[in-house]
Amino acid sequence: MPITIKDVAEAAGVSTATVSRALRGLPNVDAGTRERIRKVADDLDYVISPSASRLASGRTGSIAVVTPYIARWYFSTVLSGVESVLQGAGMDLLLMSVSTPEGHHRMPPAPRLRRRVDGVIVIALSPGDPQLKEVLDLGLPTSLIGLTHEGTPSATIDDVEAGQTATQHLINLGHERIGVITGAPVGSPFTAENDRYKGFQTAMEHAGLEIDPMLESYGYFTIPGGEQAMTALLTQRKPPTAVFAMSDEMAFGAMRAMRSHGLTPGTDISIIGVDGHDMSELLDLTTVAQPVADLGRIAAEALLLELRSPDSGAHPEDIHLPTRLIVRGSTKPHTR
């Protein structure tokens, strides 16, 4: 017969309620008693039932992650960081995508979250997205990745700085006719895209260089999109000598387009991305790398801290992680 909490209580000479409190780490249990109960439980090979523990605590033991995409590299890498923390804490992960692969919106997540999770992690939704407001209005402990909201802990990078660093690197190499591959046409809801473009603008303006609208193209943050965007830039009467792609995946597609036109990345046209994608080193891509998995870990840790100490009064932190420029063969000095 399986060992029950009653067996542990009898062997330790305490009540079942005391065993439950001791094994769940709750207060009001003497340190010596707690240690004795744990030793008895270990000797009897007793493991507290997760479902019983959750029922007693009023917790579900689950955290929801709300994300616009799942399969894309950035989002899946963020999720790996989140999952590593939740697994160590014995929490389950409930994944909710708010858009389809075609970009159509799914059913809003908020109605599906009530009474199903203890907290929520939101990845890269627009600060003005109604779905974000609905999630925050649930009143559940929440942390954010890739965006900020007053009163809610977040983990981000400085995307303006990332865009400026990437563009300045091209300028430092002597490039003046610089193209840019963005995500979508004007009015993108994503903070990262808008901020990276601001960084591009700032670097160009500080260098006294003109931003040519004919050298802007849209890659939708995908490899095929980057290839199409670069093809559009190459068909200009006077193509750019260098290109800033706002993600490594769009840069990969752009490099493929160059090669299909008989051009060598770096030698004929320099190109730089943002992300630090796992494949960037293999493809010799210069990139502004961001600690993507760390963003997920930090956001998950902040959420667990909030769950453990909801009344601590600690001010929610906005944590900005640093990026770094990694120079490879895809960017070289411009020779006139």
C-alpha atoms as a PDB file:
ATOM      1  CA  MET A   1       0.000   0.000   0.000  1.00  0.00           C
ATOM      2  CA  PRO A   2       1.288   3.509  -0.755  1.00  0.00           C
ATOM      3  CA  ILE A   3       2.529   5.548   2.197  1.00  0.00           C
ATOM      4  CA  THR A   4       0.085   8.269   3.222  1.00  0.00           C
ATOM      5  CA  ILE A   5       0.446  11.525   5.147  1.00  0.00           C
ATOM      6  CA  LYS A   6      -1.292   9.785   8.054  1.00  0.00           C
ATOM      7  CA  ASP A   7       1.518   7.189   8.181  1.00  0.00           C
ATOM      8  CA  VAL A   8       4.121   9.971   8.368  1.00  0.00           C
ATOM      9  CA  ALA A   9       2.155  11.763  11.095  1.00  0.00           C
ATOM     10  CA  GLU A  10       1.906   8.613  13.228  1.00  0.00           C
ATOM     11  CA  ALA A  11       5.608   7.804  12.825  1.00  0.00           C
ATOM     12  CA  ALA A  12       6.618  11.393  13.686  1.00  0.00           C
ATOM     13  CA  GLY A  13       4.131  11.703  16.550  1.00  0.00           C
ATOM     14  CA  VAL A  14       2.430  14.807  15.169  1.00  0.00           C
ATOM     15  CA  SER A  15      -0.825  15.712  13.429  1.00  0.00           C
ATOM     16  CA  THR A  16      -1.363  15.394   9.683  1.00  0.00           C
ATOM     17  CA  ALA A  17      -1.805  19.185   9.521  1.00  0.00           C
ATOM     18  CA  THR A  18       1.681  19.673  11.008  1.00  0.00           C
ATOM     19  CA  VAL A  19       3.157  17.220   8.477  1.00  0.00           C
ATOM     20  CA  SER A  20       1.469  19.114   5.646  1.00  0.00           C
ATOM     21  CA  ARG A  21       2.768  22.487   6.859  1.00  0.00           C
ATOM     22  CA  ALA A  22       6.288  21.153   7.418  1.00  0.00           C
ATOM     23  CA  LEU A  23       6.646  19.479   4.024  1.00  0.00           C
ATOM     24  CA  ARG A  24       5.199  22.477   2.173  1.00  0.00           C
ATOM     25  CA  GLY A  25       7.604  24.876   3.891  1.00  0.00           C
ATOM     26  CA  LEU A  26       4.854  26.833   5.650  1.00  0.00           C
ATOM     27  CA  PRO A  27       5.482  28.756   8.897  1.00  0.00           C
ATOM     28  CA  ASN A  28       4.394  27.882  12.457  1.00  0.00           C
ATOM     29  CA  VAL A  29       6.390  24.641  12.595  1.00  0.00           C
ATOM     30  CA  ASP A  30       9.300  24.303  15.007  1.00  0.00           C
ATOM     31  CA  ALA A  31      12.627  23.818  13.192  1.00  0.00           C
ATOM     32  CA  GLY A  32      13.398  20.600  15.063  1.00  0.00           C
ATOM     33  CA  THR A  33       9.926  19.210  14.379  1.00  0.00           C
ATOM     34  CA  ARG A  34      10.183  20.151  10.715  1.00  0.00           C
ATOM     35  CA  GLU A  35      13.526  18.341  10.396  1.00  0.00           C
ATOM     36  CA  ARG A  36      12.166  15.239  12.181  1.00  0.00           C
ATOM     37  CA  ILE A  37       9.129  15.131   9.883  1.00  0.00           C
ATOM     38  CA  ARG A  38      11.320  15.442   6.792  1.00  0.00           C
ATOM     39  CA  LYS A  39      13.564  12.610   7.978  1.00  0.00           C
ATOM     40  CA  VAL A  40      10.563  10.367   8.678  1.00  0.00           C
ATOM     41  CA  ALA A  41       9.100  11.198   5.244  1.00  0.00           C
ATOM     42  CA  ASP A  42      12.424  10.354   3.597  1.00  0.00           C
ATOM     43  CA  ASP A  43      12.736   7.084   5.532  1.00  0.00           C
ATOM     44  CA  LEU A  44       9.206   6.089   4.531  1.00  0.00           C
ATOM     45  CA  ASP A  45       9.812   7.291   0.932  1.00  0.00           C
ATOM     46  CA  TYR A  46       6.767   9.569   1.182  1.00  0.00           C
ATOM     47  CA  VAL A  47       6.228  12.251  -1.477  1.00  0.00           C
ATOM     48  CA  ILE A  48       3.599  14.922  -0.892  1.00  0.00           C
ATOM     49  CA  SER A  49       0.811  14.786  -3.465  1.00  0.00           C
ATOM     50  CA  PRO A  50       1.022  17.822  -5.782  1.00  0.00           C
ATOM     51  CA  SER A  51      -2.742  17.869  -6.273  1.00  0.00           C
ATOM     52  CA  ALA A  52      -3.407  17.676  -2.525  1.00  0.00           C
ATOM     53  CA  SER A  53      -0.847  20.387  -1.842  1.00  0.00           C
ATOM     54  CA  ARG A  54      -2.367  22.664  -4.450  1.00  0.00           C
ATOM     55  CA  LEU A  55      -5.864  22.055  -3.116  1.00  0.00           C
ATOM     56  CA  ALA A  56      -4.761  22.919   0.410  1.00  0.00           C
ATOM     57  CA  SER A  57      -2.876  26.061  -0.618  1.00  0.00           C
ATOM     58  CA  GLY A  58      -5.456  27.341  -3.081  1.00  0.00           C
ATOM     59  CA  ARG A  59      -2.769  27.415  -5.759  1.00  0.00           C
ATOM     60  CA  THR A  60      -2.906  25.763  -9.190  1.00  0.00           C
ATOM     61  CA  GLY A  61       0.835  25.179  -9.504  1.00  0.00           C
ATOM     62  CA  SER A  62       0.715  26.559 -13.063  1.00  0.00           C
ATOM     63  CA  ILE A  63       2.066  29.669 -14.782  1.00  0.00           C
ATOM     64  CA  ALA A  64       0.732  30.927 -18.124  1.00  0.00           C
ATOM     65  CA  VAL A  65       3.024  32.296 -20.811  1.00  0.00           C
ATOM     66  CA  VAL A  66       1.217  34.546 -23.294  1.00  0.00           C
ATOM     67  CA  THR A  67       3.140  35.041 -26.535  1.00  0.00           C
ATOM     68  CA  PRO A  68       2.386  36.172 -30.109  1.00  0.00           C
ATOM     69  CA  TYR A  69       4.562  33.389 -31.573  1.00  0.00           C
ATOM     70  CA  ILE A  70       5.969  30.035 -30.488  1.00  0.00           C
ATOM     71  CA  ALA A  71       8.018  28.609 -33.371  1.00  0.00           C
ATOM     72  CA  ARG A  72      10.205  31.666 -34.025  1.00  0.00           C
ATOM     73  CA  TRP A  73      13.719  31.460 -32.585  1.00  0.00           C
ATOM     74  CA  TYR A  74      13.486  34.440 -30.201  1.00  0.00           C
ATOM     75  CA  PHE A  75      10.247  33.258 -28.609  1.00  0.00           C
ATOM     76  CA  SER A  76      11.254  29.596 -28.320  1.00  0.00           C
ATOM     77  CA  THR A  77      14.593  30.623 -26.756  1.00  0.00           C
ATOM     78  CA  VAL A  78      12.854  32.920 -24.253  1.00  0.00           C
ATOM     79  CA  LEU A  79      10.538  30.018 -23.399  1.00  0.00           C
ATOM     80  CA  SER A  80      13.509  27.740 -22.719  1.00  0.00           C
ATOM     81  CA  GLY A  81      14.719  30.237 -20.108  1.00  0.00           C
ATOM     82  CA  VAL A  82      11.262  30.492 -18.523  1.00  0.00           C
ATOM     83  CA  GLU A  83      10.816  26.731 -18.464  1.00  0.00           C
ATOM     84  CA  SER A  84      14.193  26.097 -16.811  1.00  0.00           C
ATOM     85  CA  VAL A  85      13.138  28.217 -13.816  1.00  0.00           C
ATOM     86  CA  LEU A  86       9.578  26.906 -13.558  1.00  0.00           C
ATOM     87  CA  GLN A  87      10.730  23.293 -13.774  1.00  0.00           C
ATOM     88  CA  GLY A  88      13.150  23.838 -10.900  1.00  0.00           C
ATOM     89  CA  ALA A  89      10.306  25.326  -8.848  1.00  0.00           C
ATOM     90  CA  GLY A  90       7.967  22.426  -9.614  1.00  0.00           C
ATOM     91  CA  MET A  91       5.568  24.665 -11.555  1.00  0.00           C
ATOM     92  CA  ASP A  92       3.702  23.694 -14.711  1.00  0.00           C
ATOM     93  CA  LEU A  93       3.723  25.899 -17.797  1.00  0.00           C
ATOM     94  CA  LEU A  94       0.544  26.727 -19.708  1.00  0.00           C
ATOM     95  CA  LEU A  95       1.419  28.130 -23.137  1.00  0.00           C
ATOM     96  CA  MET A  96      -0.977  30.498 -24.891  1.00  0.00           C
ATOM     97  CA  SER A  97      -0.314  31.899 -28.353  1.00  0.00           C
ATOM     98  CA  VAL A  98      -2.359  34.974 -29.217  1.00  0.00           C
ATOM     99  CA  SER A  99      -1.898  34.740 -32.978  1.00  0.00           C
ATOM    100  CA  THR A 100      -1.854  32.059 -35.674  1.00  0.00           C
ATOM    101  CA  PRO A 101       1.142  31.448 -37.996  1.00  0.00           C
ATOM    102  CA  GLU A 102      -0.699  33.574 -40.574  1.00  0.00           C
ATOM    103  CA  GLY A 103      -0.850  36.467 -38.116  1.00  0.00           C
ATOM    104  CA  HIS A 104      -4.577  36.176 -37.317  1.00  0.00           C
ATOM    105  CA  HIS A 105      -5.544  36.722 -33.683  1.00  0.00           C
ATOM    106  CA  ARG A 106      -6.774  33.781 -31.637  1.00  0.00           C
ATOM    107  CA  MET A 107      -9.341  33.941 -28.832  1.00  0.00           C
ATOM    108  CA  PRO A 108      -8.187  36.502 -26.197  1.00  0.00           C
ATOM    109  CA  PRO A 109      -6.213  34.752 -23.424  1.00  0.00           C
ATOM    110  CA  ALA A 110      -7.721  36.470 -20.365  1.00  0.00           C
ATOM    111  CA  PRO A 111     -11.018  34.493 -20.255  1.00  0.00           C
ATOM    112  CA  ARG A 112      -9.033  31.236 -20.440  1.00  0.00           C
ATOM    113  CA  LEU A 113      -6.682  32.151 -17.594  1.00  0.00           C
ATOM    114  CA  ARG A 114      -9.130  32.719 -14.743  1.00  0.00           C
ATOM    115  CA  ARG A 115      -8.740  30.130 -11.973  1.00  0.00           C
ATOM    116  CA  ARG A 116      -6.319  28.109 -14.125  1.00  0.00           C
ATOM    117  CA  VAL A 117      -2.983  29.719 -13.235  1.00  0.00           C
ATOM    118  CA  ASP A 118      -1.202  31.421 -10.342  1.00  0.00           C
ATOM    119  CA  GLY A 119       0.576  33.994 -12.499  1.00  0.00           C
ATOM    120  CA  VAL A 120       1.307  35.154 -16.042  1.00  0.00           C
ATOM    121  CA  ILE A 121       4.401  35.930 -18.122  1.00  0.00           C
ATOM    122  CA  VAL A 122       3.769  38.051 -21.223  1.00  0.00           C
ATOM    123  CA  ILE A 123       6.278  38.070 -24.098  1.00  0.00           C
ATOM    124  CA  ALA A 124       6.604  41.015 -26.492  1.00  0.00           C
ATOM    125  CA  LEU A 125       2.997  42.123 -26.820  1.00  0.00           C
ATOM    126  CA  SER A 126       2.500  45.758 -27.728  1.00  0.00           C
ATOM    127  CA  PRO A 127       2.020  47.971 -24.632  1.00  0.00           C
ATOM    128  CA  GLY A 128      -1.173  49.220 -26.286  1.00  0.00           C
ATOM    129  CA  ASP A 129      -2.548  45.761 -27.118  1.00  0.00           C
ATOM    130  CA  PRO A 130      -6.051  45.332 -25.567  1.00  0.00           C
ATOM    131  CA  GLN A 131      -5.130  41.712 -24.798  1.00  0.00           C
ATOM    132  CA  LEU A 132      -2.323  42.913 -22.534  1.00  0.00           C
ATOM    133  CA  LYS A 133      -4.700  45.181 -20.627  1.00  0.00           C
ATOM    134  CA  GLU A 134      -7.155  42.314 -20.192  1.00  0.00           C
ATOM    135  CA  VAL A 135      -4.421  40.081 -18.776  1.00  0.00           C
ATOM    136  CA  LEU A 136      -3.183  42.782 -16.376  1.00  0.00           C
ATOM    137  CA  ASP A 137      -6.768  43.486 -15.281  1.00  0.00           C
ATOM    138  CA  LEU A 138      -7.042  39.898 -14.008  1.00  0.00           C
ATOM    139  CA  GLY A 139      -4.988  41.025 -11.016  1.00  0.00           C
ATOM    140  CA  LEU A 140      -2.715  37.969 -11.157  1.00  0.00           C
ATOM    141  CA  PRO A 141       1.019  38.266 -10.438  1.00  0.00           C
ATOM    142  CA  THR A 142       2.532  39.127 -13.831  1.00  0.00           C
ATOM    143  CA  SER A 143       5.950  39.754 -15.337  1.00  0.00           C
ATOM    144  CA  LEU A 144       6.835  41.017 -18.809  1.00  0.00           C
ATOM    145  CA  ILE A 145       9.522  40.259 -21.393  1.00  0.00           C
ATOM    146  CA  GLY A 146      10.396  42.708 -24.138  1.00  0.00           C
ATOM    147  CA  LEU A 147       8.015  45.434 -22.966  1.00  0.00           C
ATOM    148  CA  THR A 148       7.410  47.528 -19.873  1.00  0.00           C
ATOM    149  CA  HIS A 149       4.307  48.595 -17.955  1.00  0.00           C
ATOM    150  CA  GLU A 150       4.256  50.705 -14.824  1.00  0.00           C
ATOM    151  CA  GLY A 151       3.936  48.620 -11.685  1.00  0.00           C
ATOM    152  CA  THR A 152       4.799  45.316 -13.390  1.00  0.00           C
ATOM    153  CA  PRO A 153       8.278  43.711 -13.290  1.00  0.00           C
ATOM    154  CA  SER A 154       9.927  43.325 -16.684  1.00  0.00           C
ATOM    155  CA  ALA A 155      13.069  42.025 -18.393  1.00  0.00           C
ATOM    156  CA  THR A 156      14.154  43.884 -21.528  1.00  0.00           C
ATOM    157  CA  ILE A 157      17.103  45.088 -23.545  1.00  0.00           C
ATOM    158  CA  ASP A 158      17.652  48.646 -24.782  1.00  0.00           C
ATOM    159  CA  ASP A 159      16.459  48.195 -28.365  1.00  0.00           C
ATOM    160  CA  VAL A 160      17.229  51.811 -29.262  1.00  0.00           C
ATOM    161  CA  GLU A 161      20.826  51.224 -28.241  1.00  0.00           C
ATOM    162  CA  ALA A 162      20.924  47.911 -30.166  1.00  0.00           C
ATOM    163  CA  GLY A 163      19.755  49.625 -33.366  1.00  0.00           C
ATOM    164  CA  GLN A 164      22.186  52.486 -32.871  1.00  0.00           C
ATOM    165  CA  THR A 165      25.112  50.123 -32.183  1.00  0.00           C
ATOM    166  CA  ALA A 166      24.393  48.100 -35.324  1.00  0.00           C
ATOM    167  CA  THR A 167      24.112  51.163 -37.552  1.00  0.00           C
ATOM    168  CA  GLN A 168      27.122  52.907 -36.005  1.00  0.00           C
ATOM    169  CA  HIS A 169      29.245  49.828 -36.720  1.00  0.00           C
ATOM    170  CA  LEU A 170      28.415  50.159 -40.430  1.00  0.00           C
ATOM    171  CA  ILE A 171      29.120  53.901 -40.330  1.00  0.00           C
ATOM    172  CA  ASN A 172      32.470  53.294 -38.626  1.00  0.00           C
ATOM    173  CA  LEU A 173      33.399  51.006 -41.522  1.00  0.00           C
ATOM    174  CA  GLY A 174      32.917  53.917 -43.916  1.00  0.00           C
ATOM    175  CA  HIS A 175      29.447  53.079 -45.230  1.00  0.00           C
ATOM    176  CA  GLU A 176      27.126  55.970 -46.041  1.00  0.00           C
ATOM    177  CA  ARG A 177      24.453  54.414 -48.248  1.00  0.00           C
ATOM    178  CA  ILE A 178      22.899  52.164 -45.614  1.00  0.00           C
ATOM    179  CA  GLY A 179      19.697  50.207 -46.116  1.00  0.00           C
ATOM    180  CA  VAL A 180      17.447  48.890 -43.374  1.00  0.00           C
ATOM    181  CA  ILE A 181      15.240  45.797 -43.249  1.00  0.00           C
ATOM    182  CA  THR A 182      12.433  46.327 -40.729  1.00  0.00           C
ATOM    183  CA  GLY A 183       9.627  44.021 -39.670  1.00  0.00           C
ATOM    184  CA  ALA A 184       6.477  45.505 -41.155  1.00  0.00           C
ATOM    185  CA  PRO A 185       5.238  48.711 -42.797  1.00  0.00           C
ATOM    186  CA  VAL A 186       4.678  51.831 -40.704  1.00  0.00           C
ATOM    187  CA  GLY A 187       2.586  51.443 -37.592  1.00  0.00           C
ATOM    188  CA  SER A 188       4.177  48.260 -36.232  1.00  0.00           C
ATOM    189  CA  PRO A 189       2.769  47.492 -32.771  1.00  0.00           C
ATOM    190  CA  PHE A 190       6.019  45.964 -31.501  1.00  0.00           C
ATOM    191  CA  THR A 191       8.166  48.112 -29.221  1.00  0.00           C
ATOM    192  CA  ALA A 192      11.430  46.400 -30.236  1.00  0.00           C
ATOM    193  CA  GLU A 193      10.964  47.148 -33.926  1.00  0.00           C
ATOM    194  CA  ASN A 194      10.077  50.801 -33.378  1.00  0.00           C
ATOM    195  CA  ASP A 195      12.948  51.287 -30.922  1.00  0.00           C
ATOM    196  CA  ARG A 196      15.521  49.648 -33.204  1.00  0.00           C
ATOM    197  CA  TYR A 197      14.427  51.973 -36.002  1.00  0.00           C
ATOM    198  CA  LYS A 198      14.856  54.949 -33.652  1.00  0.00           C
ATOM    199  CA  GLY A 199      18.399  53.750 -32.982  1.00  0.00           C
ATOM    200  CA  PHE A 200      19.029  53.522 -36.737  1.00  0.00           C
ATOM    201  CA  GLN A 201      17.721  57.052 -37.219  1.00  0.00           C
ATOM    202  CA  THR A 202      19.794  58.431 -34.359  1.00  0.00           C
ATOM    203  CA  ALA A 203      23.059  56.947 -35.663  1.00  0.00           C
ATOM    204  CA  MET A 204      22.398  58.181 -39.202  1.00  0.00           C
ATOM    205  CA  GLU A 205      21.463  61.695 -38.046  1.00  0.00           C
ATOM    206  CA  HIS A 206      24.502  61.993 -35.743  1.00  0.00           C
ATOM    207  CA  ALA A 207      26.720  61.015 -38.676  1.00  0.00           C
ATOM    208  CA  GLY A 208      25.006  63.562 -40.939  1.00  0.00           C
ATOM    209  CA  LEU A 209      23.834  60.816 -43.297  1.00  0.00           C
ATOM    210  CA  GLU A 210      20.585  60.852 -45.270  1.00  0.00           C
ATOM    211  CA  ILE A 211      17.986  58.171 -44.668  1.00  0.00           C
ATOM    212  CA  ASP A 212      16.785  57.127 -48.105  1.00  0.00           C
ATOM    213  CA  PRO A 213      13.181  55.763 -48.028  1.00  0.00           C
ATOM    214  CA  MET A 214      14.024  53.748 -51.144  1.00  0.00           C
ATOM    215  CA  LEU A 215      16.520  51.778 -49.046  1.00  0.00           C
ATOM    216  CA  GLU A 216      13.924  50.630 -46.507  1.00  0.00           C
ATOM    217  CA  SER A 217      12.308  47.238 -46.948  1.00  0.00           C
ATOM    218  CA  TYR A 218      10.118  44.895 -44.869  1.00  0.00           C
ATOM    219  CA  GLY A 219      11.126  41.370 -43.848  1.00  0.00           C
ATOM    220  CA  TYR A 220       8.414  40.520 -41.260  1.00  0.00           C
ATOM    221  CA  PHE A 221      11.072  39.016 -38.939  1.00  0.00           C
ATOM    222  CA  THR A 222      11.341  35.813 -40.982  1.00  0.00           C
ATOM    223  CA  ILE A 223      14.057  34.290 -43.188  1.00  0.00           C
ATOM    224  CA  PRO A 224      11.875  34.280 -46.362  1.00  0.00           C
ATOM    225  CA  GLY A 225      10.818  37.846 -45.557  1.00  0.00           C
ATOM    226  CA  GLY A 226      14.447  38.917 -45.229  1.00  0.00           C
ATOM    227  CA  GLU A 227      15.250  37.330 -48.576  1.00  0.00           C
ATOM    228  CA  GLN A 228      12.413  39.187 -50.304  1.00  0.00           C
ATOM    229  CA  ALA A 229      13.355  42.456 -48.606  1.00  0.00           C
ATOM    230  CA  MET A 230      16.986  42.180 -49.704  1.00  0.00           C
ATOM    231  CA  THR A 231      15.927  41.328 -53.248  1.00  0.00           C
ATOM    232  CA  ALA A 232      13.893  44.546 -53.290  1.00  0.00           C
ATOM    233  CA  LEU A 233      16.932  46.531 -52.116  1.00  0.00           C
ATOM    234  CA  LEU A 234      19.165  44.935 -54.763  1.00  0.00           C
ATOM    235  CA  THR A 235      16.781  45.974 -57.538  1.00  0.00           C
ATOM    236  CA  GLN A 236      17.221  49.670 -56.690  1.00  0.00           C
ATOM    237  CA  ARG A 237      19.062  51.768 -59.269  1.00  0.00           C
ATOM    238  CA  LYS A 238      21.742  52.375 -56.658  1.00  0.00           C
ATOM    239  CA  PRO A 239      21.708  49.569 -54.054  1.00  0.00           C
ATOM    240  CA  PRO A 240      23.070  50.090 -50.528  1.00  0.00           C
ATOM    241  CA  THR A 241      26.668  49.259 -49.660  1.00  0.00           C
ATOM    242  CA  ALA A 242      25.539  48.023 -46.235  1.00  0.00           C
ATOM    243  CA  VAL A 243      22.290  46.830 -44.625  1.00  0.00           C
ATOM    244  CA  PHE A 244      21.014  46.777 -41.052  1.00  0.00           C
ATOM    245  CA  ALA A 245      18.531  43.914 -40.615  1.00  0.00           C
ATOM    246  CA  MET A 246      16.525  44.228 -37.403  1.00  0.00           C
ATOM    247  CA  SER A 247      16.803  40.507 -36.659  1.00  0.00           C
ATOM    248  CA  ASP A 248      19.333  37.790 -37.418  1.00  0.00           C
ATOM    249  CA  GLU A 249      16.700  35.678 -39.153  1.00  0.00           C
ATOM    250  CA  MET A 250      15.935  38.482 -41.619  1.00  0.00           C
ATOM    251  CA  ALA A 251      19.699  38.877 -42.098  1.00  0.00           C
ATOM    252  CA  PHE A 252      19.977  35.160 -42.942  1.00  0.00           C
ATOM    253  CA  GLY A 253      17.380  35.600 -45.676  1.00  0.00           C
ATOM    254  CA  ALA A 254      19.135  38.732 -46.926  1.00  0.00           C
ATOM    255  CA  MET A 255      22.434  36.836 -47.185  1.00  0.00           C
ATOM    256  CA  ARG A 256      20.708  34.140 -49.203  1.00  0.00           C
ATOM    257  CA  ALA A 257      19.351  36.786 -51.578  1.00  0.00           C
ATOM    258  CA  MET A 258      22.838  38.255 -52.006  1.00  0.00           C
ATOM    259  CA  ARG A 259      24.323  34.890 -52.885  1.00  0.00           C
ATOM    260  CA  SER A 260      21.550  34.174 -55.389  1.00  0.00           C
ATOM    261  CA  HIS A 261      22.548  37.457 -57.090  1.00  0.00           C
ATOM    262  CA  GLY A 262      26.196  36.420 -57.206  1.00  0.00           C
ATOM    263  CA  LEU A 263      27.194  38.702 -54.311  1.00  0.00           C
ATOM    264  CA  THR A 264      29.258  37.829 -51.239  1.00  0.00           C
ATOM    265  CA  PRO A 265      28.066  39.127 -47.850  1.00  0.00           C
ATOM    266  CA  GLY A 266      30.728  41.373 -46.395  1.00  0.00           C
ATOM    267  CA  THR A 267      32.782  41.614 -49.558  1.00  0.00           C
ATOM    268  CA  ASP A 268      30.140  43.140 -51.835  1.00  0.00           C
ATOM    269  CA  ILE A 269      27.540  44.344 -49.305  1.00  0.00           C
ATOM    270  CA  SER A 270      27.990  44.416 -45.541  1.00  0.00           C
ATOM    271  CA  ILE A 271      25.121  43.199 -43.375  1.00  0.00           C
ATOM    272  CA  ILE A 272      24.477  43.162 -39.632  1.00  0.00           C
ATOM    273  CA  GLY A 273      21.620  41.708 -37.585  1.00  0.00           C
ATOM    274  CA  VAL A 274      20.334  41.767 -34.006  1.00  0.00           C
ATOM    275  CA  ASP A 275      19.797  38.780 -31.704  1.00  0.00           C
ATOM    276  CA  GLY A 276      22.839  36.529 -31.405  1.00  0.00           C
ATOM    277  CA  HIS A 277      20.939  33.652 -33.058  1.00  0.00           C
ATOM    278  CA  ASP A 278      22.490  30.195 -32.635  1.00  0.00           C
ATOM    279  CA  MET A 279      23.194  30.062 -36.391  1.00  0.00           C
ATOM    280  CA  SER A 280      24.810  33.498 -36.671  1.00  0.00           C
ATOM    281  CA  GLU A 281      28.315  32.208 -35.958  1.00  0.00           C
ATOM    282  CA  LEU A 282      27.972  29.387 -38.498  1.00  0.00           C
ATOM    283  CA  LEU A 283      26.858  31.874 -41.169  1.00  0.00           C
ATOM    284  CA  ASP A 284      29.584  34.372 -40.185  1.00  0.00           C
ATOM    285  CA  LEU A 285      27.015  37.077 -39.459  1.00  0.00           C
ATOM    286  CA  THR A 286      27.953  40.196 -37.521  1.00  0.00           C
ATOM    287  CA  THR A 287      25.263  40.731 -34.894  1.00  0.00           C
ATOM    288  CA  VAL A 288      24.259  42.700 -31.819  1.00  0.00           C
ATOM    289  CA  ALA A 289      23.667  39.789 -29.463  1.00  0.00           C
ATOM    290  CA  GLN A 290      21.084  39.869 -26.697  1.00  0.00           C
ATOM    291  CA  PRO A 291      20.847  37.361 -23.793  1.00  0.00           C
ATOM    292  CA  VAL A 292      17.514  35.900 -24.908  1.00  0.00           C
ATOM    293  CA  ALA A 293      17.285  32.886 -22.568  1.00  0.00           C
ATOM    294  CA  ASP A 294      18.337  35.108 -19.640  1.00  0.00           C
ATOM    295  CA  LEU A 295      15.351  37.377 -20.323  1.00  0.00           C
ATOM    296  CA  GLY A 296      13.084  34.378 -19.795  1.00  0.00           C
ATOM    297  CA  ARG A 297      14.889  33.243 -16.657  1.00  0.00           C
ATOM    298  CA  ILE A 298      14.834  36.680 -15.028  1.00  0.00           C
ATOM    299  CA  ALA A 299      11.138  37.237 -15.782  1.00  0.00           C
ATOM    300  CA  ALA A 300      10.253  33.808 -14.358  1.00  0.00           C
ATOM    301  CA  GLU A 301      12.331  34.417 -11.217  1.00  0.00           C
ATOM    302  CA  ALA A 302      10.636  37.801 -10.704  1.00  0.00           C
ATOM    303  CA  LEU A 303       7.225  36.167 -10.979  1.00  0.00           C
ATOM    304  CA  LEU A 304       8.082  33.397  -8.503  1.00  0.00           C
ATOM    305  CA  LEU A 305       9.374  36.015  -6.048  1.00  0.00           C
ATOM    306  CA  GLU A 306       6.054  37.829  -6.337  1.00  0.00           C
ATOM    307  CA  LEU A 307       4.156  34.589  -5.717  1.00  0.00           C
ATOM    308  CA  ARG A 308       6.238  33.732  -2.645  1.00  0.00           C
ATOM    309  CA  SER A 309       6.107  37.216  -1.114  1.00  0.00           C
ATOM    310  CA  PRO A 310       2.966  38.940  -2.426  1.00  0.00           C
ATOM    311  CA  ASP A 311       2.816  41.381   0.493  1.00  0.00           C
ATOM    312  CA  SER A 312       6.512  42.195   0.728  1.00  0.00           C
ATOM    313  CA  GLY A 313       5.952  45.724  -0.585  1.00  0.00           C
ATOM    314  CA  ALA A 314       8.996  45.439  -2.851  1.00  0.00           C
ATOM    315  CA  HIS A 315       8.865  47.759  -5.848  1.00  0.00           C
ATOM    316  CA  PRO A 316       8.639  45.811  -9.130  1.00  0.00           C
ATOM    317  CA  GLU A 317      11.901  46.039 -11.041  1.00  0.00           C
ATOM    318  CA  ASP A 318      12.453  46.821 -14.709  1.00  0.00           C
ATOM    319  CA  ILE A 319      15.662  44.933 -15.503  1.00  0.00           C
ATOM    320  CA  HIS A 320      17.582  45.942 -18.634  1.00  0.00           C
ATOM    321  CA  LEU A 321      20.102  43.353 -19.813  1.00  0.00           C
ATOM    322  CA  PRO A 322      23.136  44.432 -21.867  1.00  0.00           C
ATOM    323  CA  THR A 323      23.724  43.643 -25.542  1.00  0.00           C
ATOM    324  CA  ARG A 324      27.117  43.223 -27.224  1.00  0.00           C
ATOM    325  CA  LEU A 325      28.435  43.703 -30.729  1.00  0.00           C
ATOM    326  CA  ILE A 326      29.959  40.543 -32.231  1.00  0.00           C
ATOM    327  CA  VAL A 327      31.912  41.358 -35.393  1.00  0.00           C
ATOM    328  CA  ARG A 328      32.249  38.646 -38.033  1.00  0.00           C
ATOM    329  CA  GLY A 329      32.890  38.409 -41.756  1.00  0.00           C
ATOM    330  CA  SER A 330      29.556  39.806 -42.970  1.00  0.00           C
ATOM    331  CA  THR A 331      30.703  43.395 -42.297  1.00  0.00           C
ATOM    332  CA  LYS A 332      33.864  44.894 -43.796  1.00  0.00           C
ATOM    333  CA  PRO A 333      35.252  48.392 -44.482  1.00  0.00           C
ATOM    334  CA  HIS A 334      33.687  50.116 -47.484  1.00  0.00           C
ATOM    335  CA  THR A 335      36.061  50.600 -50.402  1.00  0.00           C
ATOM    336  CA  ARG A 336      35.014  53.326 -52.808  1.00  0.00           C
END
